[in-house]
Protein backbone atom coordinates (compact mmCIF):
# COMPACT_ATOMS: atom_id res chain seq x y z
CA MET A 1 18.54 -12.25 12.18
CA THR A 2 17.72 -13.07 8.49
CA TYR A 3 16.10 -16.76 8.02
CA ALA A 4 15.60 -16.64 4.08
CA ALA A 5 16.94 -14.23 1.51
CA HIS A 6 15.87 -15.44 -2.02
CA GLY A 7 15.25 -13.60 -4.98
CA SER A 8 16.66 -11.41 -7.93
CA PRO A 9 15.00 -9.08 -10.74
CA SER A 10 14.53 -12.40 -12.76
CA ALA A 11 13.64 -14.98 -10.36
CA ASP A 12 10.39 -16.82 -10.90
CA ILE A 13 9.56 -18.42 -7.35
CA THR A 14 6.82 -21.03 -7.67
CA ASP A 15 4.13 -21.89 -4.96
CA ASP A 16 5.67 -24.91 -3.99
CA GLU A 17 9.21 -23.31 -3.87
CA LEU A 18 7.56 -20.50 -1.53
CA SER A 19 5.69 -23.07 0.46
CA ALA A 20 9.02 -25.00 1.22
CA LEU A 21 10.85 -21.73 1.86
CA VAL A 22 7.99 -20.54 4.47
CA GLU A 23 8.21 -24.26 6.12
CA GLY A 24 12.05 -23.86 6.35
CA VAL A 25 11.55 -20.36 8.04
CA LEU A 26 8.83 -21.49 10.65
CA SER A 27 11.10 -24.76 11.46
CA ARG A 28 14.10 -22.75 12.37
CA VAL A 29 12.15 -20.27 14.71
CA GLY A 30 12.05 -22.65 17.81
CA MET A 31 9.51 -23.75 19.83
CA ILE A 32 5.75 -22.38 18.86
CA ARG A 33 2.96 -22.63 21.38
CA ARG A 34 0.53 -20.44 19.80
CA ALA A 35 1.03 -18.03 16.83
CA ILE A 36 -1.00 -15.30 14.84
CA VAL A 37 -0.19 -14.52 11.39
CA VAL A 38 -0.89 -11.04 10.12
CA PRO A 39 -1.13 -10.82 6.25
CA PRO A 40 -2.44 -8.16 3.95
CA ASP A 41 -6.17 -7.89 3.03
CA ALA A 42 -8.01 -8.44 -0.19
CA THR A 43 -6.64 -5.15 -1.51
CA ARG A 44 -3.11 -6.97 -1.64
CA ALA A 45 -4.24 -10.39 -3.04
CA HIS A 46 -1.31 -10.33 -5.55
CA SER A 47 1.31 -10.35 -2.74
CA CYS A 48 1.59 -14.16 -2.58
CA ALA A 49 0.63 -13.89 1.29
CA GLY A 50 -2.26 -16.15 0.40
CA THR A 51 0.24 -19.20 -0.35
CA ILE A 52 2.25 -17.90 2.81
CA THR A 53 -0.50 -17.94 5.20
CA ASP A 54 -1.96 -21.17 4.00
CA THR A 55 1.68 -22.88 4.28
CA ALA A 56 1.62 -21.59 7.94
CA ALA A 57 -1.71 -22.85 8.76
CA ARG A 58 -1.02 -26.35 7.57
CA PHE A 59 2.64 -26.32 9.23
CA LEU A 60 1.14 -25.05 12.68
CA GLY A 61 -1.72 -26.79 12.85
CA PRO A 62 -3.65 -26.41 16.13
CA ARG A 63 -0.81 -24.02 17.26
CA LEU A 64 -2.19 -21.36 14.75
CA GLY A 65 -4.26 -19.45 17.04
CA ALA A 66 -5.48 -16.69 14.74
CA VAL A 67 -5.33 -14.96 11.47
CA LEU A 68 -5.77 -10.90 11.73
CA PRO A 69 -5.68 -9.24 8.32
CA ALA A 70 -4.12 -5.99 8.65
CA LEU A 71 -6.91 -3.88 7.14
CA GLY A 72 -5.96 -0.60 8.40
CA THR A 73 -8.57 1.74 7.65
CA HIS A 74 -10.06 -0.69 4.65
CA ALA A 75 -13.47 -2.48 4.85
CA PRO A 76 -13.46 -6.09 6.47
CA MET A 77 -12.68 -8.79 4.07
CA SER A 78 -15.89 -10.77 3.11
CA LYS A 79 -16.02 -14.60 3.48
CA PRO A 80 -15.89 -15.14 -0.21
CA GLU A 81 -12.83 -13.35 -0.18
CA ILE A 82 -11.15 -14.91 2.71
CA ARG A 83 -12.06 -18.51 0.84
CA ARG A 84 -10.65 -16.88 -2.32
CA ILE A 85 -7.04 -15.36 -1.01
CA PHE A 86 -6.74 -18.11 2.07
CA PRO A 87 -8.31 -21.38 0.80
CA ALA A 88 -6.64 -23.82 3.17
CA THR A 89 -6.58 -21.69 6.14
CA PRO A 90 -9.66 -22.35 8.61
CA GLU A 91 -12.17 -19.43 8.53
CA SER A 92 -12.50 -19.77 11.94
CA VAL A 93 -9.22 -18.47 12.88
CA PHE A 94 -10.04 -15.01 11.21
CA LEU A 95 -10.39 -12.01 13.16
CA VAL A 96 -11.56 -8.68 11.98
CA HIS A 97 -9.39 -5.41 12.84
CA ASP A 98 -11.23 -2.39 14.22
CA TRP A 99 -9.01 0.59 13.77
CA ARG A 100 -11.22 2.93 15.55
CA ARG A 101 -12.03 1.07 18.82
CA GLY A 102 -9.90 -2.35 18.81
CA CYS A 103 -6.28 -0.99 19.54
CA VAL A 104 -4.04 -0.82 22.61
CA GLU A 105 -0.95 1.80 22.97
CA LEU A 106 2.21 0.47 23.51
CA GLY A 107 3.74 3.72 24.06
CA ARG A 108 3.96 7.21 22.81
CA LEU A 109 6.86 9.32 20.99
CA GLU A 110 7.47 12.73 22.00
CA PRO A 111 6.89 15.68 19.90
CA GLY A 112 10.74 16.72 19.92
CA PHE A 113 11.33 13.29 18.17
CA VAL A 114 8.74 13.80 15.56
CA GLU A 115 9.84 17.32 14.74
CA ALA A 116 13.54 16.40 14.32
CA VAL A 117 12.96 13.51 12.03
CA SER A 118 10.75 15.74 9.99
CA GLY A 119 12.85 18.74 9.43
CA GLY A 120 10.38 20.73 11.49
CA VAL A 121 7.73 19.92 9.14
CA THR A 122 5.16 18.79 11.77
CA CYS A 123 5.50 18.69 15.60
CA PHE A 124 3.09 16.43 17.45
CA ASP A 125 3.60 13.42 19.73
CA TRP A 126 2.78 9.80 18.02
CA PRO A 127 1.36 6.85 19.56
CA ALA A 128 2.33 3.12 18.85
CA GLN A 129 -0.73 1.41 18.62
CA VAL A 130 -1.72 -1.96 17.55
CA ASN A 131 -4.65 -4.37 17.54
CA ARG A 132 -4.98 -5.46 21.40
CA VAL A 133 -5.06 -9.22 20.62
CA LEU A 134 -1.37 -8.87 19.30
CA ALA A 135 -0.45 -7.47 22.84
CA SER A 136 -2.53 -9.42 25.11
CA GLY A 137 -3.91 -12.27 23.25
CA GLY A 138 -1.45 -14.94 24.83
CA PHE A 139 0.30 -15.68 21.61
CA ASP A 140 4.25 -16.38 21.44
CA LEU A 141 5.03 -15.59 17.83
CA VAL A 142 3.61 -12.89 15.72
CA VAL A 143 3.83 -13.70 11.93
CA SER A 144 3.72 -10.38 9.91
CA VAL A 145 3.30 -11.26 6.26
CA GLY A 146 3.22 -8.89 3.39
CA GLN A 147 4.66 -7.42 0.15
CA VAL A 148 7.69 -4.83 -0.24
CA VAL A 149 6.80 -2.35 -2.81
CA PRO A 150 6.86 1.44 -3.23
CA HIS A 151 4.19 3.33 -1.06
CA GLU A 152 2.92 6.92 -1.01
CA VAL A 153 3.08 7.13 2.79
CA ALA A 154 5.69 4.91 4.15
CA GLY A 155 7.93 5.00 1.28
CA MET A 156 8.32 1.23 0.97
CA ALA A 157 5.53 -0.79 2.31
CA ASN A 158 5.35 -3.47 4.87
CA HIS A 159 7.71 -4.29 7.84
CA ALA A 160 6.68 -2.47 10.96
CA LYS A 161 4.15 -0.49 8.69
CA ASN A 162 2.18 -3.88 8.91
CA LEU A 163 1.59 -3.62 12.48
CA PHE A 164 1.43 -0.04 13.56
CA VAL A 165 -0.79 1.01 10.49
CA GLY A 166 -2.26 -2.21 9.21
CA THR A 167 -3.33 -3.29 12.90
CA GLY A 168 -2.90 0.33 13.95
CA GLY A 169 -5.45 2.77 15.58
CA LYS A 170 -7.05 6.21 14.35
CA GLU A 171 -4.50 8.52 16.01
CA ALA A 172 -1.37 6.64 14.82
CA ILE A 173 -2.70 6.28 11.20
CA ASP A 174 -3.95 9.69 11.12
CA LYS A 175 -0.88 11.39 12.25
CA SER A 176 1.54 8.94 10.22
CA HIS A 177 -0.46 9.86 6.88
CA TRP A 178 -0.33 13.42 7.68
CA LEU A 179 3.38 13.50 8.24
CA GLY A 180 3.88 11.66 4.79
CA ALA A 181 1.68 14.31 3.17
CA ALA A 182 3.15 17.14 4.76
CA TRP A 183 6.57 15.80 4.17
CA GLY A 184 5.57 15.12 0.37
CA MET A 185 5.08 12.25 -1.49
CA GLU A 186 6.86 12.51 -4.25
CA ARG A 187 10.09 12.79 -1.79
CA LEU A 188 9.57 9.75 -0.19
CA MET A 189 7.81 7.09 -2.68
CA GLY A 190 10.45 4.39 -3.07
CA MET A 191 12.92 5.52 -0.27
CA THR A 192 13.25 2.79 2.45
CA ASP A 193 14.46 5.65 5.10
CA ASN A 194 11.96 8.92 5.55
CA PRO A 195 10.42 10.72 8.38
CA VAL A 196 7.39 8.07 8.37
CA ARG A 197 9.56 5.14 8.42
CA ALA A 198 11.47 6.56 11.34
CA LEU A 199 8.54 6.58 13.49
CA PHE A 200 7.79 3.08 12.87
CA ASP A 201 11.31 2.08 13.28
CA GLU A 202 11.66 3.95 16.64
CA ALA A 203 8.45 2.73 17.97
CA LEU A 204 9.24 -0.79 17.36
CA SER A 205 12.76 -0.16 19.15
CA ARG A 206 11.55 1.52 22.06
CA PHE A 207 7.92 -0.42 22.58
CA GLY A 208 8.21 -3.52 20.66
CA LYS A 209 9.25 -5.58 24.14
CA GLY A 210 5.44 -5.15 24.64
CA LEU A 211 4.71 -7.45 21.82
CA PRO A 212 5.41 -11.30 21.10
CA PRO A 213 8.27 -11.99 19.19
CA LEU A 214 7.96 -10.87 15.60
CA LEU A 215 8.71 -12.78 12.51
CA TRP A 216 8.65 -10.96 8.98
CA MET A 217 7.75 -12.86 5.90
CA LEU A 218 8.25 -10.29 3.10
CA THR A 219 7.66 -10.51 -0.95
CA VAL A 220 8.77 -8.60 -3.80
CA VAL A 221 6.06 -9.40 -6.81
CA GLY A 222 6.80 -8.15 -10.34
CA ARG A 223 5.64 -9.09 -13.92
CA ARG A 224 6.82 -11.44 -16.38
CA PRO A 225 7.11 -10.22 -20.04
CA ASP A 226 3.72 -11.56 -21.01
CA GLY A 227 2.30 -9.54 -18.08
CA ALA A 228 1.61 -12.59 -15.73
CA LEU A 229 2.58 -11.97 -12.09
CA ALA A 230 5.91 -13.52 -10.88
CA LEU A 231 7.22 -13.73 -7.10
CA ARG A 232 10.93 -12.42 -7.65
CA GLY A 233 11.93 -12.54 -3.96
CA PHE A 234 11.22 -13.97 -0.45
CA PHE A 235 12.95 -12.42 2.58
CA ALA A 236 12.00 -13.63 6.30
CA GLY A 237 13.87 -12.47 9.44
CA ASP A 238 13.25 -11.03 12.91
CA ASP A 239 15.05 -7.50 12.43
CA ARG A 240 15.08 -4.77 9.58
CA ASP A 241 17.94 -6.49 7.61
CA CYS A 242 15.06 -8.77 5.66
CA PHE A 243 13.27 -5.47 5.07
CA GLU A 244 16.10 -4.08 3.78
CA ARG A 245 17.15 -6.46 1.19
CA ALA A 246 13.31 -6.68 -0.01
CA ALA A 247 13.29 -3.07 -0.52
CA GLU A 248 16.55 -2.98 -2.61
CA LEU A 249 15.03 -5.86 -4.92
CA SER A 250 11.75 -3.84 -5.14
CA ARG A 251 13.58 -0.64 -6.22
CA ILE A 252 14.98 -2.89 -9.20
CA VAL A 253 11.75 -4.79 -9.93
CA ASN A 254 8.96 -2.36 -9.08
CA MET A 255 10.19 0.79 -10.12
CA GLU A 256 9.94 1.86 -14.12
CA VAL A 257 11.61 5.03 -15.56
CA VAL A 258 9.77 5.74 -18.60
CA ASP A 259 11.70 7.42 -21.26
CA GLU A 260 9.40 10.48 -21.84
CA PRO A 261 6.70 12.24 -19.71
CA VAL A 262 3.43 10.38 -20.40
CA HIS A 263 0.66 12.55 -22.02
CA LYS A 264 -2.18 9.84 -21.92
CA ALA A 265 -2.14 7.17 -19.44
CA VAL A 266 -4.85 4.41 -18.55
CA ALA A 267 -4.81 2.44 -15.54
CA TRP A 268 -6.98 -0.77 -15.01
CA LEU A 269 -8.45 -1.61 -11.59
CA ASP A 270 -9.48 -5.07 -10.97
CA PRO A 271 -13.02 -4.99 -9.39
CA ALA A 272 -12.07 -7.84 -7.02
CA GLU A 273 -9.56 -5.33 -5.62
CA TYR A 274 -10.51 -1.91 -5.90
CA ARG A 275 -13.99 -0.92 -4.38
CA SER A 276 -13.20 2.92 -3.59
CA THR A 277 -11.24 5.90 -4.81
CA TRP A 278 -9.77 5.50 -1.47
CA LEU A 279 -7.86 2.44 -2.86
CA GLY A 280 -8.31 3.36 -6.48
CA ASN A 281 -6.15 6.51 -6.15
CA LYS A 282 -3.09 4.54 -6.33
CA ALA A 283 -3.12 5.11 -9.84
CA ILE A 284 -2.63 8.71 -9.23
CA TYR A 285 0.03 8.11 -6.41
CA ARG A 286 2.09 5.60 -8.33
CA LEU A 287 2.00 7.49 -11.71
CA ARG A 288 1.96 11.11 -10.78
CA MET A 289 5.80 11.33 -11.42
CA ALA A 290 5.54 9.93 -15.04
CA MET A 291 2.69 12.17 -16.11
CA ALA A 292 3.17 15.01 -18.61
CA GLU A 293 2.25 18.51 -17.49
CA GLY A 294 -1.31 18.56 -18.98
CA GLY A 295 -1.57 15.12 -19.52
CA GLU A 296 -4.51 12.89 -18.68
CA LEU A 297 -4.81 9.74 -16.73
CA LEU A 298 -7.98 7.59 -17.07
CA ILE A 299 -8.66 5.30 -14.40
CA LEU A 300 -10.69 2.16 -15.36
CA ALA A 301 -12.43 1.41 -12.36
CA PRO A 302 -15.63 -0.92 -12.85
CA GLY A 303 -15.57 -1.72 -9.11
CA VAL A 304 -15.36 1.48 -7.61
CA ASP A 305 -18.71 2.57 -6.36
CA ARG A 306 -17.88 5.07 -3.39
CA PHE A 307 -14.99 7.26 -2.24
CA GLY A 308 -14.12 6.16 1.36
CA GLU A 309 -13.86 2.76 2.87
CA ASP A 310 -16.17 3.70 5.53
CA PRO A 311 -19.18 6.13 5.90
CA GLY A 312 -17.47 8.57 8.05
CA ILE A 313 -14.41 9.01 5.57
CA ASP A 314 -16.48 8.89 2.64
CA ALA A 315 -18.51 11.74 3.86
CA LEU A 316 -15.50 13.70 4.52
CA ILE A 317 -14.23 13.20 0.86
CA ARG A 318 -17.38 14.19 -0.58
CA LYS A 319 -17.43 17.50 1.43
CA TYR A 320 -13.96 18.81 0.86
CA GLY A 321 -12.82 17.18 -2.48
CA TYR A 322 -9.38 16.42 -3.26
CA ARG A 323 -7.21 19.72 -2.99
CA PRO A 324 -3.39 20.57 -3.13
CA GLY A 325 -1.78 20.50 0.22
CA PRO A 326 -1.26 24.14 0.78
CA GLU A 327 -5.31 24.48 0.75
CA MET A 328 -5.74 21.25 2.92
CA ARG A 329 -3.18 22.56 5.36
CA VAL A 330 -5.62 25.87 5.70
CA LEU A 331 -8.72 23.82 5.98
CA VAL A 332 -7.35 21.44 8.80
CA ASP A 333 -6.21 24.34 10.90
CA ARG A 334 -9.84 25.92 10.38
CA SER A 335 -11.72 22.44 10.44
CA PRO A 336 -12.07 20.45 13.68
CA GLU A 337 -13.44 17.67 11.67
CA LEU A 338 -10.78 17.43 9.25
CA ALA A 339 -8.15 18.00 12.21
CA GLY A 340 -9.71 15.08 13.71
CA SER A 341 -9.42 12.83 10.71
CA LEU A 342 -5.82 13.48 9.51
CA ALA A 343 -5.55 10.24 7.40
CA ALA A 344 -8.50 11.65 5.23
CA ALA A 345 -6.89 15.06 5.11
CA ALA A 346 -3.73 13.61 3.78
CA HIS A 347 -5.71 10.95 1.47
CA LEU A 348 -7.42 14.20 -0.13
CA VAL A 349 -3.82 15.66 -0.66
CA HIS A 350 -2.53 12.63 -1.93
CA GLY A 351 -5.03 12.30 -4.83
CA CYS A 352 -4.87 15.98 -6.08
CA PRO A 353 -3.03 16.31 -9.34
CA GLU A 354 -2.34 19.89 -8.24
CA GLY A 355 -3.48 21.11 -11.76
CA ARG A 356 -0.31 19.42 -13.43
CA PHE A 357 -2.62 16.42 -15.10
CA ARG A 358 -6.13 15.78 -15.28
CA VAL A 359 -7.57 12.46 -13.91
CA ALA A 360 -11.00 11.09 -14.86
CA TYR A 361 -12.60 7.84 -13.59
CA ALA A 362 -14.80 5.20 -15.60
CA PRO A 363 -16.15 3.99 -12.57
CA SER A 364 -19.24 1.70 -11.54
CA PRO A 365 -22.57 2.77 -12.44
CA SER A 366 -23.21 3.40 -8.99
CA LEU A 367 -20.76 6.53 -8.79
CA SER A 368 -22.08 9.46 -11.03
CA ARG A 369 -20.57 11.76 -12.92
CA GLU A 370 -21.72 14.71 -10.66
CA GLU A 371 -20.38 12.92 -7.65
CA LEU A 372 -16.86 12.55 -9.22
CA GLU A 373 -16.91 16.07 -10.42
CA SER A 374 -17.92 17.10 -7.00
CA VAL A 375 -14.71 15.87 -5.67
CA GLY A 376 -12.33 17.17 -8.48
CA PHE A 377 -12.35 14.42 -10.73
CA GLY A 378 -13.51 13.97 -14.31
CA TRP A 379 -16.05 11.19 -15.40
CA PHE A 380 -15.47 8.89 -18.66
CA ASP A 381 -18.34 6.65 -19.94
CA PRO A 382 -17.32 3.36 -18.49
CA ALA A 383 -18.71 1.35 -21.78
CA ILE A 384 -16.69 3.51 -24.36
CA ALA A 385 -13.65 3.59 -22.03
CA MET A 386 -13.66 -0.42 -21.81
CA ALA A 387 -14.70 -0.77 -25.53
CA ARG A 388 -11.52 1.58 -26.39
CA TYR A 389 -9.00 0.39 -23.64
CA ASP A 390 -10.14 -3.13 -23.30
CA PRO A 391 -7.35 -4.62 -20.42
CA SER A 392 -7.50 -8.01 -21.90
CA ARG A 393 -5.95 -6.24 -25.43
CA MET A 394 -3.84 -3.71 -23.68
CA ARG A 395 -0.11 -4.56 -22.89
CA SER A 396 2.02 -3.05 -20.05
CA GLY A 397 3.60 0.19 -21.07
CA TRP A 398 3.26 1.87 -24.29
CA ASN A 399 0.12 1.09 -26.89
CA PRO A 400 -0.09 2.92 -30.23
CA MET A 401 -4.02 2.96 -30.72
CA PRO A 402 -5.49 2.70 -34.51
CA ASP A 403 -6.18 6.51 -34.36
CA GLY A 404 -2.83 7.27 -33.67
CA GLU A 405 -3.20 7.70 -30.12
CA ARG A 406 -0.15 6.75 -27.84
CA VAL A 407 -1.09 5.18 -24.51
CA PHE A 408 0.69 4.14 -21.34
CA PHE A 409 -1.21 1.26 -19.95
CA VAL A 410 -0.71 0.39 -16.30
CA PRO A 411 -2.55 -3.16 -15.63
CA ASN A 412 -2.28 -2.83 -11.68
CA PRO A 413 -0.87 0.64 -10.18
CA ALA A 414 -0.37 -1.08 -6.44
CA LEU A 415 2.67 -3.23 -7.93
CA GLY A 416 4.87 -0.26 -8.97
CA LEU A 417 6.08 3.30 -9.05
CA TRP A 418 6.64 5.05 -12.43
CA ILE A 419 8.66 8.10 -13.14
CA ASP A 420 9.75 9.72 -16.27
CA ALA A 421 13.66 9.62 -16.98
CA ARG A 422 14.18 13.56 -16.38
CA ARG A 423 12.50 13.75 -13.13
CA TYR A 424 14.62 10.56 -12.21
CA ALA A 425 17.71 12.11 -12.91
CA ARG A 426 16.84 15.59 -11.19
CA GLN A 427 15.75 13.94 -7.95
CA ARG A 428 18.91 11.68 -7.60
CA GLY A 429 21.53 14.26 -9.05
CA ILE A 430 22.59 12.40 -11.97
CA ARG A 431 23.00 12.99 -15.75
CA GLY A 432 21.97 11.38 -18.87
CA THR A 433 19.02 9.18 -19.58
CA ALA A 434 18.15 7.25 -16.44
CA GLY A 435 17.48 3.54 -16.71
CA ARG A 436 15.49 1.15 -14.93
């Protein structure tokens, strides 16, 4: 059942309006004795999940048993990040997800199902894993909060992904990410239905009875003409319908068709959100279908000082570097350590421009030119990059520079998906110039 479906491409929902919507949904759920909220972490601070979680905390009071940020493989949130994003939620209720040791298995999808939905691309069984507190923490409601936006692994982010990846375990994350990479990220980004989503949906259908009742609260976030963020939609419900409605709006709000291939793109990564190439490579994922052959993507990343979000994955990235899919599949077959860390292998495929365009980072001083070049990226002097492409002066989209250079600027790649018109037309089998 869908409890709320508010939004449009031009909507601009205020914090007060959002809080009223959240309270209205919670008041319709019925008796709540002890609830847990599962919001995104600091890497998705723009999702409006802070307002939703704070509102739920006020509404529920002592009935709020816990808040479990959906970290997936990300580093735990710091106390300053919690205070910044969730200022009205008591710090004492926050838990930390441990994707390596903190999960239980609800059930397992058989290899035949995975092979069938992937068209034979992969064939393995897949475990539906969640943080154990969701299954045995004594809650009678799980409020799953998050933003729906085009995504490199799931096609569109959120809904069951928030549980099976955001609070999932190593095997589930590894295999789902590898399936997405094997299927092809450019085939699934922006698509509601794809093989990875089929895993999540089937697992929820078969094994969801092992969880408390689920309530989804989903947002769609865009930008105003002045570049400021705007909440374009809020959708809530206890089934897939709210996700489908949010995804439909997100494709309008968050997919931008550019009129020509981009020869020079500059992406800005806010240091409060982006600390690693594991996160920062969203600039590559979301812009790759807009880039021209031989083009250049410069990533302004003053907070990026490492490759992985944890030491183990960081070491794998440093050892193998970013490589095309065919190379990585051979390496996975030969290397037990890569075969045992398929999420890292998938990430190395996702972050490779495959020789089509060049990628350079202007990173934190803690990440050297030699380190970046060793994994396949270029390095650009951060001081020069920030002076020339000052994000406070650049506007979203095309920017003419004083010396005649023409630059396509993206202030936050996590908010969208960019694709050039001809590629968009080819992929969808339509003629003429594609519009947004």
